[in-house]
Amino acid sequence: MDKSGLKNKYIAEKLGISEQYMSLIRGGKRKLTADKVIAISRVLGIDYRIFLS
């Protein structure tokens, strides 16, 4: 779970990816595409530019 209380499974389902792949993204083992950054920001309800800092 992240600090907002969302689980990998929930985020992965919303993105249409596996929970395992989401874990790899969060662990820094997979790079994010621009499309995934935007999709994740929408799921989390945050501005996508937070990923750029």
PDB file of N, CA and C in Angstrom:
ATOM      1  N   MET A   1       0.840  -1.174   0.000  1.00  0.00           N
ATOM      2  CA  MET A   1       0.000   0.000   0.000  1.00  0.00           C
ATOM      3  C   MET A   1       0.890   1.244   0.000  1.00  0.00           C
ATOM      4  N   ASP A   2       0.470   2.274  -0.695  1.00  0.00           N
ATOM      5  CA  ASP A   2       1.223   3.516  -0.631  1.00  0.00           C
ATOM      6  C   ASP A   2       0.612   4.422   0.428  1.00  0.00           C
ATOM      7  N   LYS A   3       1.194   5.602   0.603  1.00  0.00           N
ATOM      8  CA  LYS A   3       0.740   6.466   1.696  1.00  0.00           C
ATOM      9  C   LYS A   3      -0.677   6.982   1.533  1.00  0.00           C
ATOM     10  N   SER A   4      -1.228   6.909   0.320  1.00  0.00           N
ATOM     11  CA  SER A   4      -2.625   7.319   0.152  1.00  0.00           C
ATOM     12  C   SER A   4      -3.585   6.167   0.442  1.00  0.00           C
ATOM     13  N   GLY A   5      -3.038   4.968   0.718  1.00  0.00           N
ATOM     14  CA  GLY A   5      -3.861   3.823   1.062  1.00  0.00           C
ATOM     15  C   GLY A   5      -4.266   2.966  -0.124  1.00  0.00           C
ATOM     16  N   LEU A   6      -3.778   3.280  -1.315  1.00  0.00           N
ATOM     17  CA  LEU A   6      -4.136   2.495  -2.499  1.00  0.00           C
ATOM     18  C   LEU A   6      -3.203   1.301  -2.631  1.00  0.00           C
ATOM     19  N   LYS A   7      -3.770   0.189  -3.018  1.00  0.00           N
ATOM     20  CA  LYS A   7      -2.988  -1.028  -3.180  1.00  0.00           C
ATOM     21  C   LYS A   7      -2.577  -1.205  -4.629  1.00  0.00           C
ATOM     22  N   ASN A   8      -1.454  -1.921  -4.829  1.00  0.00           N
ATOM     23  CA  ASN A   8      -0.992  -2.236  -6.179  1.00  0.00           C
ATOM     24  C   ASN A   8      -2.099  -2.865  -7.008  1.00  0.00           C
ATOM     25  N   LYS A   9      -2.867  -3.757  -6.399  1.00  0.00           N
ATOM     26  CA  LYS A   9      -3.914  -4.466  -7.131  1.00  0.00           C
ATOM     27  C   LYS A   9      -4.949  -3.490  -7.692  1.00  0.00           C
ATOM     28  N   TYR A  10      -5.390  -2.553  -6.885  1.00  0.00           N
ATOM     29  CA  TYR A  10      -6.385  -1.578  -7.319  1.00  0.00           C
ATOM     30  C   TYR A  10      -5.841  -0.717  -8.459  1.00  0.00           C
ATOM     31  N   ILE A  11      -4.639  -0.196  -8.273  1.00  0.00           N
ATOM     32  CA  ILE A  11      -4.040   0.655  -9.296  1.00  0.00           C
ATOM     33  C   ILE A  11      -3.828  -0.136 -10.581  1.00  0.00           C
ATOM     34  N   ALA A  12      -3.318  -1.354 -10.461  1.00  0.00           N
ATOM     35  CA  ALA A  12      -3.077  -2.204 -11.634  1.00  0.00           C
ATOM     36  C   ALA A  12      -4.375  -2.477 -12.388  1.00  0.00           C
ATOM     37  N   GLU A  13      -5.439  -2.768 -11.666  1.00  0.00           N
ATOM     38  CA  GLU A  13      -6.735  -3.017 -12.309  1.00  0.00           C
ATOM     39  C   GLU A  13      -7.202  -1.795 -13.084  1.00  0.00           C
ATOM     40  N   LYS A  14      -7.056  -0.630 -12.502  1.00  0.00           N
ATOM     41  CA  LYS A  14      -7.470   0.612 -13.166  1.00  0.00           C
ATOM     42  C   LYS A  14      -6.635   0.895 -14.410  1.00  0.00           C
ATOM     43  N   LEU A  15      -5.374   0.458 -14.402  1.00  0.00           N
ATOM     44  CA  LEU A  15      -4.477   0.687 -15.530  1.00  0.00           C
ATOM     45  C   LEU A  15      -4.543  -0.419 -16.578  1.00  0.00           C
ATOM     46  N   GLY A  16      -5.133  -1.551 -16.207  1.00  0.00           N
ATOM     47  CA  GLY A  16      -5.200  -2.670 -17.133  1.00  0.00           C
ATOM     48  C   GLY A  16      -3.889  -3.420 -17.251  1.00  0.00           C
ATOM     49  N   ILE A  17      -3.128  -3.445 -16.149  1.00  0.00           N
ATOM     50  CA  ILE A  17      -1.864  -4.182 -16.124  1.00  0.00           C
ATOM     51  C   ILE A  17      -1.900  -5.156 -14.958  1.00  0.00           C
ATOM     52  N   SER A  18      -0.935  -6.066 -14.921  1.00  0.00           N
ATOM     53  CA  SER A  18      -0.909  -7.037 -13.828  1.00  0.00           C
ATOM     54  C   SER A  18      -0.387  -6.385 -12.544  1.00  0.00           C
ATOM     55  N   GLU A  19      -0.763  -6.981 -11.440  1.00  0.00           N
ATOM     56  CA  GLU A  19      -0.296  -6.505 -10.138  1.00  0.00           C
ATOM     57  C   GLU A  19       1.222  -6.647 -10.041  1.00  0.00           C
ATOM     58  N   GLN A  20       1.757  -7.708 -10.628  1.00  0.00           N
ATOM     59  CA  GLN A  20       3.199  -7.930 -10.617  1.00  0.00           C
ATOM     60  C   GLN A  20       3.928  -6.834 -11.393  1.00  0.00           C
ATOM     61  N   TYR A  21       3.370  -6.450 -12.546  1.00  0.00           N
ATOM     62  CA  TYR A  21       3.981  -5.388 -13.340  1.00  0.00           C
ATOM     63  C   TYR A  21       3.924  -4.061 -12.591  1.00  0.00           C
ATOM     64  N   MET A  22       2.821  -3.810 -11.907  1.00  0.00           N
ATOM     65  CA  MET A  22       2.703  -2.593 -11.104  1.00  0.00           C
ATOM     66  C   MET A  22       3.758  -2.588 -10.013  1.00  0.00           C
ATOM     67  N   SER A  23       4.005  -3.717  -9.396  1.00  0.00           N
ATOM     68  CA  SER A  23       5.043  -3.813  -8.359  1.00  0.00           C
ATOM     69  C   SER A  23       6.418  -3.496  -8.934  1.00  0.00           C
ATOM     70  N   LEU A  24       6.676  -3.965 -10.154  1.00  0.00           N
ATOM     71  CA  LEU A  24       7.961  -3.681 -10.800  1.00  0.00           C
ATOM     72  C   LEU A  24       8.107  -2.189 -11.094  1.00  0.00           C
ATOM     73  N   ILE A  25       7.017  -1.553 -11.512  1.00  0.00           N
ATOM     74  CA  ILE A  25       7.041  -0.110 -11.763  1.00  0.00           C
ATOM     75  C   ILE A  25       7.345   0.631 -10.466  1.00  0.00           C
ATOM     76  N   ARG A  26       6.618   0.288  -9.421  1.00  0.00           N
ATOM     77  CA  ARG A  26       6.798   0.974  -8.133  1.00  0.00           C
ATOM     78  C   ARG A  26       8.164   0.707  -7.535  1.00  0.00           C
ATOM     79  N   GLY A  27       8.738  -0.445  -7.853  1.00  0.00           N
ATOM     80  CA  GLY A  27      10.073  -0.778  -7.356  1.00  0.00           C
ATOM     81  C   GLY A  27      11.195  -0.213  -8.208  1.00  0.00           C
ATOM     82  N   GLY A  28      10.843   0.486  -9.285  1.00  0.00           N
ATOM     83  CA  GLY A  28      11.844   1.091 -10.152  1.00  0.00           C
ATOM     84  C   GLY A  28      12.512   0.135 -11.118  1.00  0.00           C
ATOM     85  N   LYS A  29      11.927  -1.046 -11.287  1.00  0.00           N
ATOM     86  CA  LYS A  29      12.508  -2.047 -12.181  1.00  0.00           C
ATOM     87  C   LYS A  29      11.938  -1.983 -13.594  1.00  0.00           C
ATOM     88  N   ARG A  30      10.920  -1.179 -13.796  1.00  0.00           N
ATOM     89  CA  ARG A  30      10.331  -0.945 -15.123  1.00  0.00           C
ATOM     90  C   ARG A  30      10.176   0.549 -15.310  1.00  0.00           C
ATOM     91  N   LYS A  31      10.467   1.011 -16.507  1.00  0.00           N
ATOM     92  CA  LYS A  31      10.325   2.429 -16.814  1.00  0.00           C
ATOM     93  C   LYS A  31       8.874   2.741 -17.149  1.00  0.00           C
ATOM     94  N   LEU A  32       8.483   3.943 -16.833  1.00  0.00           N
ATOM     95  CA  LEU A  32       7.131   4.404 -17.138  1.00  0.00           C
ATOM     96  C   LEU A  32       7.115   5.108 -18.488  1.00  0.00           C
ATOM     97  N   THR A  33       6.100   4.810 -19.268  1.00  0.00           N
ATOM     98  CA  THR A  33       5.875   5.560 -20.500  1.00  0.00           C
ATOM     99  C   THR A  33       5.057   6.790 -20.145  1.00  0.00           C
ATOM    100  N   ALA A  34       5.032   7.746 -21.049  1.00  0.00           N
ATOM    101  CA  ALA A  34       4.238   8.959 -20.815  1.00  0.00           C
ATOM    102  C   ALA A  34       2.771   8.602 -20.607  1.00  0.00           C
ATOM    103  N   ASP A  35       2.267   7.642 -21.383  1.00  0.00           N
ATOM    104  CA  ASP A  35       0.872   7.219 -21.244  1.00  0.00           C
ATOM    105  C   ASP A  35       0.589   6.660 -19.855  1.00  0.00           C
ATOM    106  N   LYS A  36       1.518   5.847 -19.338  1.00  0.00           N
ATOM    107  CA  LYS A  36       1.317   5.257 -18.011  1.00  0.00           C
ATOM    108  C   LYS A  36       1.402   6.320 -16.920  1.00  0.00           C
ATOM    109  N   VAL A  37       2.298   7.286 -17.081  1.00  0.00           N
ATOM    110  CA  VAL A  37       2.407   8.367 -16.102  1.00  0.00           C
ATOM    111  C   VAL A  37       1.084   9.115 -16.015  1.00  0.00           C
ATOM    112  N   ILE A  38       0.512   9.431 -17.149  1.00  0.00           N
ATOM    113  CA  ILE A  38      -0.766  10.147 -17.166  1.00  0.00           C
ATOM    114  C   ILE A  38      -1.867   9.288 -16.562  1.00  0.00           C
ATOM    115  N   ALA A  39      -1.907   8.015 -16.922  1.00  0.00           N
ATOM    116  CA  ALA A  39      -2.938   7.116 -16.390  1.00  0.00           C
ATOM    117  C   ALA A  39      -2.808   6.958 -14.878  1.00  0.00           C
ATOM    118  N   ILE A  40      -1.595   6.768 -14.392  1.00  0.00           N
ATOM    119  CA  ILE A  40      -1.384   6.618 -12.952  1.00  0.00           C
ATOM    120  C   ILE A  40      -1.788   7.901 -12.228  1.00  0.00           C
ATOM    121  N   SER A  41      -1.430   9.029 -12.787  1.00  0.00           N
ATOM    122  CA  SER A  41      -1.791  10.295 -12.129  1.00  0.00           C
ATOM    123  C   SER A  41      -3.301  10.462 -12.045  1.00  0.00           C
ATOM    124  N   ARG A  42      -4.011   9.997 -13.056  1.00  0.00           N
ATOM    125  CA  ARG A  42      -5.483  10.064 -13.019  1.00  0.00           C
ATOM    126  C   ARG A  42      -6.056   9.144 -11.946  1.00  0.00           C
ATOM    127  N   VAL A  43      -5.503   7.927 -11.851  1.00  0.00           N
ATOM    128  CA  VAL A  43      -5.975   6.975 -10.834  1.00  0.00           C
ATOM    129  C   VAL A  43      -5.732   7.535  -9.436  1.00  0.00           C
ATOM    130  N   LEU A  44      -4.561   8.142  -9.248  1.00  0.00           N
ATOM    131  CA  LEU A  44      -4.210   8.668  -7.935  1.00  0.00           C
ATOM    132  C   LEU A  44      -4.811  10.037  -7.658  1.00  0.00           C
ATOM    133  N   GLY A  45      -5.328  10.684  -8.706  1.00  0.00           N
ATOM    134  CA  GLY A  45      -5.909  12.004  -8.528  1.00  0.00           C
ATOM    135  C   GLY A  45      -4.864  13.082  -8.284  1.00  0.00           C
ATOM    136  N   ILE A  46      -3.703  12.930  -8.934  1.00  0.00           N
ATOM    137  CA  ILE A  46      -2.628  13.911  -8.776  1.00  0.00           C
ATOM    138  C   ILE A  46      -2.222  14.453 -10.137  1.00  0.00           C
ATOM    139  N   ASP A  47      -1.496  15.556 -10.133  1.00  0.00           N
ATOM    140  CA  ASP A  47      -0.995  16.155 -11.356  1.00  0.00           C
ATOM    141  C   ASP A  47       0.159  15.296 -11.877  1.00  0.00           C
ATOM    142  N   TYR A  48       0.158  14.988 -13.161  1.00  0.00           N
ATOM    143  CA  TYR A  48       1.191  14.133 -13.745  1.00  0.00           C
ATOM    144  C   TYR A  48       2.580  14.739 -13.616  1.00  0.00           C
ATOM    145  N   ARG A  49       2.661  16.050 -13.471  1.00  0.00           N
ATOM    146  CA  ARG A  49       3.972  16.710 -13.409  1.00  0.00           C
ATOM    147  C   ARG A  49       4.744  16.358 -12.154  1.00  0.00           C
ATOM    148  N   ILE A  50       4.074  15.754 -11.167  1.00  0.00           N
ATOM    149  CA  ILE A  50       4.780  15.331  -9.962  1.00  0.00           C
ATOM    150  C   ILE A  50       5.842  14.270 -10.292  1.00  0.00           C
ATOM    151  N   PHE A  51       5.621  13.514 -11.361  1.00  0.00           N
ATOM    152  CA  PHE A  51       6.571  12.497 -11.777  1.00  0.00           C
ATOM    153  C   PHE A  51       7.804  13.096 -12.442  1.00  0.00           C
ATOM    154  N   LEU A  52       7.722  14.349 -12.827  1.00  0.00           N
ATOM    155  CA  LEU A  52       8.822  14.999 -13.534  1.00  0.00           C
ATOM    156  C   LEU A  52       9.831  15.639 -12.590  1.00  0.00           C
ATOM    157  N   SER A  53       9.479  15.734 -11.334  1.00  0.00           N
ATOM    158  CA  SER A  53      10.392  16.393 -10.396  1.00  0.00           C
ATOM    159  C   SER A  53      11.282  15.416  -9.669  1.00  0.00           C
TER     160      SER A  53
END
